[in-house]
Amino acid sequence: MIHIKNPQVKTQAIQRLARIEGQLRGVQKMIVEDRDCKDIVQQLIAIRSAVQSASLNFVQNVASECLLDPDQQVDAQAQQATMGELIKLLGKLSE
């Protein structure tokens, strides 16, 4: 199992997700206000990009914390399993 222990990484992820949540609420408001479809689609594209960026940043931090910190994974087999899990997650990000 993979856990983030660094409080700065957690805070950064929560802040990014809060911004994305604000963008989503903004799009909901745009729809209610019957705004131009082109503007709504642009915002949805921006949200998708923000989610992708937040996801990649989070996975990068997980990789750094779990794989580069020798105290985290003493067992080489466990480290290899963690790497396999991260690679699977990265594959899902690009779908």
N, C-alpha and C. Protein backbone atom coordinates (compact mmCIF):
# COMPACT_ATOMS: atom_id res chain seq x y z
N MET A 1 0.84 -1.18 0.00
CA MET A 1 0.00 0.00 0.00
C MET A 1 0.89 1.25 0.00
N ILE A 2 0.45 2.26 -0.72
CA ILE A 2 1.24 3.48 -0.87
C ILE A 2 0.56 4.61 -0.11
N HIS A 3 1.33 5.29 0.72
CA HIS A 3 0.80 6.42 1.49
C HIS A 3 1.75 7.60 1.38
N ILE A 4 1.18 8.79 1.35
CA ILE A 4 1.98 10.01 1.38
C ILE A 4 2.08 10.46 2.83
N LYS A 5 3.29 10.62 3.31
CA LYS A 5 3.48 11.04 4.69
C LYS A 5 3.92 12.50 4.80
N ASN A 6 4.41 13.05 3.71
CA ASN A 6 4.90 14.42 3.72
C ASN A 6 3.71 15.38 3.76
N PRO A 7 3.58 16.17 4.83
CA PRO A 7 2.43 17.08 4.94
C PRO A 7 2.41 18.16 3.86
N GLN A 8 3.57 18.56 3.36
CA GLN A 8 3.60 19.57 2.29
C GLN A 8 2.99 19.01 1.01
N VAL A 9 3.26 17.77 0.70
CA VAL A 9 2.70 17.13 -0.50
C VAL A 9 1.19 17.05 -0.37
N LYS A 10 0.72 16.67 0.82
CA LYS A 10 -0.72 16.59 1.04
C LYS A 10 -1.38 17.96 0.90
N THR A 11 -0.78 18.97 1.51
CA THR A 11 -1.32 20.32 1.44
C THR A 11 -1.37 20.82 0.01
N GLN A 12 -0.29 20.60 -0.73
CA GLN A 12 -0.24 21.04 -2.12
C GLN A 12 -1.33 20.36 -2.95
N ALA A 13 -1.52 19.07 -2.75
CA ALA A 13 -2.54 18.34 -3.50
C ALA A 13 -3.94 18.85 -3.15
N ILE A 14 -4.18 19.09 -1.88
CA ILE A 14 -5.49 19.59 -1.45
C ILE A 14 -5.76 20.98 -2.02
N GLN A 15 -4.73 21.83 -2.05
CA GLN A 15 -4.90 23.18 -2.61
C GLN A 15 -5.20 23.12 -4.10
N ARG A 16 -4.50 22.27 -4.82
CA ARG A 16 -4.76 22.13 -6.26
C ARG A 16 -6.18 21.63 -6.52
N LEU A 17 -6.59 20.64 -5.73
CA LEU A 17 -7.93 20.09 -5.90
C LEU A 17 -9.02 21.11 -5.53
N ALA A 18 -8.74 21.95 -4.56
CA ALA A 18 -9.70 23.00 -4.20
C ALA A 18 -9.86 24.00 -5.35
N ARG A 19 -8.74 24.34 -6.01
CA ARG A 19 -8.81 25.22 -7.17
C ARG A 19 -9.65 24.59 -8.28
N ILE A 20 -9.42 23.30 -8.51
CA ILE A 20 -10.17 22.58 -9.54
C ILE A 20 -11.66 22.53 -9.17
N GLU A 21 -11.93 22.34 -7.90
CA GLU A 21 -13.33 22.34 -7.44
C GLU A 21 -13.98 23.70 -7.73
N GLY A 22 -13.23 24.76 -7.51
CA GLY A 22 -13.73 26.10 -7.82
C GLY A 22 -14.02 26.27 -9.30
N GLN A 23 -13.12 25.73 -10.13
CA GLN A 23 -13.34 25.79 -11.58
C GLN A 23 -14.62 25.02 -11.96
N LEU A 24 -14.82 23.87 -11.35
CA LEU A 24 -16.02 23.08 -11.64
C LEU A 24 -17.28 23.83 -11.24
N ARG A 25 -17.25 24.45 -10.09
CA ARG A 25 -18.41 25.24 -9.66
C ARG A 25 -18.66 26.41 -10.62
N GLY A 26 -17.57 26.99 -11.12
CA GLY A 26 -17.70 28.07 -12.09
C GLY A 26 -18.37 27.61 -13.37
N VAL A 27 -18.03 26.41 -13.83
CA VAL A 27 -18.66 25.87 -15.04
C VAL A 27 -20.14 25.58 -14.78
N GLN A 28 -20.44 25.05 -13.61
CA GLN A 28 -21.85 24.82 -13.28
C GLN A 28 -22.62 26.14 -13.34
N LYS A 29 -22.05 27.19 -12.81
CA LYS A 29 -22.69 28.51 -12.83
C LYS A 29 -22.84 29.01 -14.26
N MET A 30 -21.82 28.77 -15.09
CA MET A 30 -21.89 29.19 -16.49
C MET A 30 -23.05 28.50 -17.20
N ILE A 31 -23.25 27.23 -16.91
CA ILE A 31 -24.34 26.48 -17.54
C ILE A 31 -25.69 27.03 -17.09
N VAL A 32 -25.81 27.25 -15.78
CA VAL A 32 -27.05 27.81 -15.24
C VAL A 32 -27.35 29.17 -15.85
N GLU A 33 -26.30 29.97 -16.06
CA GLU A 33 -26.47 31.32 -16.62
C GLU A 33 -26.60 31.31 -18.14
N ASP A 34 -26.60 30.12 -18.72
CA ASP A 34 -26.75 29.96 -20.17
C ASP A 34 -25.66 30.70 -20.94
N ARG A 35 -24.41 30.53 -20.48
CA ARG A 35 -23.28 31.17 -21.15
C ARG A 35 -22.97 30.45 -22.45
N ASP A 36 -22.15 31.09 -23.26
CA ASP A 36 -21.76 30.57 -24.57
C ASP A 36 -21.09 29.20 -24.41
N CYS A 37 -21.50 28.25 -25.23
CA CYS A 37 -20.97 26.89 -25.18
C CYS A 37 -19.46 26.85 -25.37
N LYS A 38 -18.95 27.71 -26.24
CA LYS A 38 -17.51 27.75 -26.49
C LYS A 38 -16.75 28.08 -25.20
N ASP A 39 -17.25 29.03 -24.43
CA ASP A 39 -16.61 29.40 -23.17
C ASP A 39 -16.65 28.24 -22.16
N ILE A 40 -17.77 27.53 -22.15
CA ILE A 40 -17.91 26.39 -21.23
C ILE A 40 -16.93 25.29 -21.61
N VAL A 41 -16.84 24.99 -22.90
CA VAL A 41 -15.92 23.95 -23.35
C VAL A 41 -14.47 24.34 -23.03
N GLN A 42 -14.13 25.61 -23.21
CA GLN A 42 -12.78 26.06 -22.87
C GLN A 42 -12.48 25.82 -21.40
N GLN A 43 -13.44 26.10 -20.55
CA GLN A 43 -13.25 25.88 -19.12
C GLN A 43 -13.12 24.39 -18.80
N LEU A 44 -13.92 23.56 -19.47
CA LEU A 44 -13.82 22.12 -19.25
C LEU A 44 -12.45 21.59 -19.68
N ILE A 45 -11.92 22.12 -20.77
CA ILE A 45 -10.58 21.74 -21.21
C ILE A 45 -9.54 22.15 -20.18
N ALA A 46 -9.70 23.36 -19.64
CA ALA A 46 -8.78 23.83 -18.61
C ALA A 46 -8.85 22.95 -17.36
N ILE A 47 -10.05 22.53 -17.00
CA ILE A 47 -10.22 21.65 -15.83
C ILE A 47 -9.55 20.31 -16.08
N ARG A 48 -9.74 19.77 -17.27
CA ARG A 48 -9.10 18.49 -17.60
C ARG A 48 -7.58 18.61 -17.49
N SER A 49 -7.05 19.68 -18.01
CA SER A 49 -5.61 19.92 -17.94
C SER A 49 -5.14 20.05 -16.48
N ALA A 50 -5.91 20.76 -15.67
CA ALA A 50 -5.56 20.95 -14.26
C ALA A 50 -5.58 19.61 -13.51
N VAL A 51 -6.58 18.78 -13.80
CA VAL A 51 -6.67 17.47 -13.16
C VAL A 51 -5.49 16.60 -13.58
N GLN A 52 -5.16 16.63 -14.86
CA GLN A 52 -4.01 15.85 -15.36
C GLN A 52 -2.72 16.30 -14.68
N SER A 53 -2.53 17.60 -14.59
CA SER A 53 -1.34 18.15 -13.96
C SER A 53 -1.27 17.78 -12.49
N ALA A 54 -2.38 17.89 -11.79
CA ALA A 54 -2.43 17.54 -10.37
C ALA A 54 -2.14 16.05 -10.18
N SER A 55 -2.68 15.23 -11.06
CA SER A 55 -2.46 13.78 -10.98
C SER A 55 -0.99 13.43 -11.18
N LEU A 56 -0.40 14.00 -12.21
CA LEU A 56 1.01 13.71 -12.50
C LEU A 56 1.91 14.20 -11.37
N ASN A 57 1.60 15.38 -10.85
CA ASN A 57 2.39 15.92 -9.75
C ASN A 57 2.29 15.02 -8.53
N PHE A 58 1.09 14.55 -8.24
CA PHE A 58 0.89 13.68 -7.08
C PHE A 58 1.64 12.37 -7.26
N VAL A 59 1.53 11.76 -8.43
CA VAL A 59 2.24 10.50 -8.68
C VAL A 59 3.75 10.70 -8.61
N GLN A 60 4.23 11.83 -9.11
CA GLN A 60 5.66 12.13 -9.02
C GLN A 60 6.10 12.20 -7.56
N ASN A 61 5.30 12.85 -6.74
CA ASN A 61 5.62 12.94 -5.32
C ASN A 61 5.57 11.57 -4.64
N VAL A 62 4.61 10.75 -5.03
CA VAL A 62 4.52 9.39 -4.49
C VAL A 62 5.78 8.62 -4.87
N ALA A 63 6.17 8.73 -6.12
CA ALA A 63 7.37 8.01 -6.58
C ALA A 63 8.59 8.47 -5.81
N SER A 64 8.72 9.77 -5.64
CA SER A 64 9.88 10.30 -4.91
C SER A 64 9.89 9.82 -3.47
N GLU A 65 8.75 9.87 -2.84
CA GLU A 65 8.67 9.51 -1.42
C GLU A 65 8.84 8.01 -1.21
N CYS A 66 8.21 7.21 -2.06
CA CYS A 66 8.21 5.77 -1.85
C CYS A 66 9.43 5.06 -2.42
N LEU A 67 9.96 5.60 -3.51
CA LEU A 67 11.03 4.87 -4.18
C LEU A 67 12.41 5.45 -3.95
N LEU A 68 12.49 6.73 -3.68
CA LEU A 68 13.80 7.34 -3.49
C LEU A 68 14.21 7.43 -2.03
N ASP A 69 13.25 7.25 -1.13
CA ASP A 69 13.55 7.29 0.29
C ASP A 69 13.91 5.88 0.75
N PRO A 70 15.16 5.64 1.06
CA PRO A 70 15.57 4.29 1.42
C PRO A 70 14.91 3.78 2.71
N ASP A 71 14.44 4.67 3.55
CA ASP A 71 13.79 4.25 4.78
C ASP A 71 12.38 3.71 4.52
N GLN A 72 11.78 4.11 3.42
CA GLN A 72 10.41 3.69 3.10
C GLN A 72 10.35 2.22 2.68
N GLN A 73 11.23 1.81 1.81
CA GLN A 73 11.20 0.46 1.26
C GLN A 73 12.56 -0.20 1.46
N VAL A 74 12.68 -0.98 2.48
CA VAL A 74 13.94 -1.68 2.74
C VAL A 74 14.05 -2.90 1.84
N ASP A 75 12.96 -3.56 1.61
CA ASP A 75 12.90 -4.78 0.83
C ASP A 75 12.86 -4.46 -0.67
N ALA A 76 13.81 -4.98 -1.42
CA ALA A 76 13.88 -4.71 -2.86
C ALA A 76 12.64 -5.23 -3.58
N GLN A 77 12.10 -6.35 -3.13
CA GLN A 77 10.90 -6.91 -3.76
C GLN A 77 9.70 -5.99 -3.54
N ALA A 78 9.58 -5.45 -2.34
CA ALA A 78 8.48 -4.53 -2.04
C ALA A 78 8.64 -3.25 -2.86
N GLN A 79 9.86 -2.80 -3.02
CA GLN A 79 10.12 -1.60 -3.82
C GLN A 79 9.74 -1.84 -5.28
N GLN A 80 10.07 -3.02 -5.79
CA GLN A 80 9.73 -3.37 -7.17
C GLN A 80 8.21 -3.45 -7.33
N ALA A 81 7.51 -3.98 -6.35
CA ALA A 81 6.05 -4.06 -6.41
C ALA A 81 5.45 -2.66 -6.41
N THR A 82 5.99 -1.78 -5.59
CA THR A 82 5.51 -0.39 -5.54
C THR A 82 5.73 0.28 -6.89
N MET A 83 6.86 0.05 -7.49
CA MET A 83 7.15 0.63 -8.81
C MET A 83 6.15 0.11 -9.83
N GLY A 84 5.83 -1.16 -9.78
CA GLY A 84 4.84 -1.73 -10.69
C GLY A 84 3.48 -1.08 -10.52
N GLU A 85 3.08 -0.85 -9.27
CA GLU A 85 1.80 -0.18 -9.00
C GLU A 85 1.79 1.23 -9.58
N LEU A 86 2.89 1.95 -9.40
CA LEU A 86 2.97 3.32 -9.92
C LEU A 86 2.93 3.35 -11.44
N ILE A 87 3.56 2.40 -12.08
CA ILE A 87 3.55 2.33 -13.54
C ILE A 87 2.12 2.06 -14.04
N LYS A 88 1.38 1.20 -13.36
CA LYS A 88 -0.01 0.93 -13.73
C LYS A 88 -0.83 2.22 -13.57
N LEU A 89 -0.61 2.95 -12.49
CA LEU A 89 -1.33 4.19 -12.27
C LEU A 89 -1.02 5.21 -13.36
N LEU A 90 0.24 5.30 -13.74
CA LEU A 90 0.62 6.23 -14.80
C LEU A 90 -0.06 5.88 -16.11
N GLY A 91 -0.18 4.59 -16.37
CA GLY A 91 -0.87 4.15 -17.58
C GLY A 91 -2.33 4.59 -17.59
N LYS A 92 -2.97 4.55 -16.44
CA LYS A 92 -4.37 4.98 -16.34
C LYS A 92 -4.50 6.48 -16.50
N LEU A 93 -3.49 7.24 -16.11
CA LEU A 93 -3.53 8.68 -16.26
C LEU A 93 -3.55 9.10 -17.71
N SER A 94 -2.91 8.32 -18.56
CA SER A 94 -2.82 8.71 -19.97
C SER A 94 -4.01 8.24 -20.80
N GLU A 95 -4.93 7.51 -20.20
CA GLU A 95 -6.11 7.02 -20.94
C GLU A 95 -7.07 8.15 -21.23
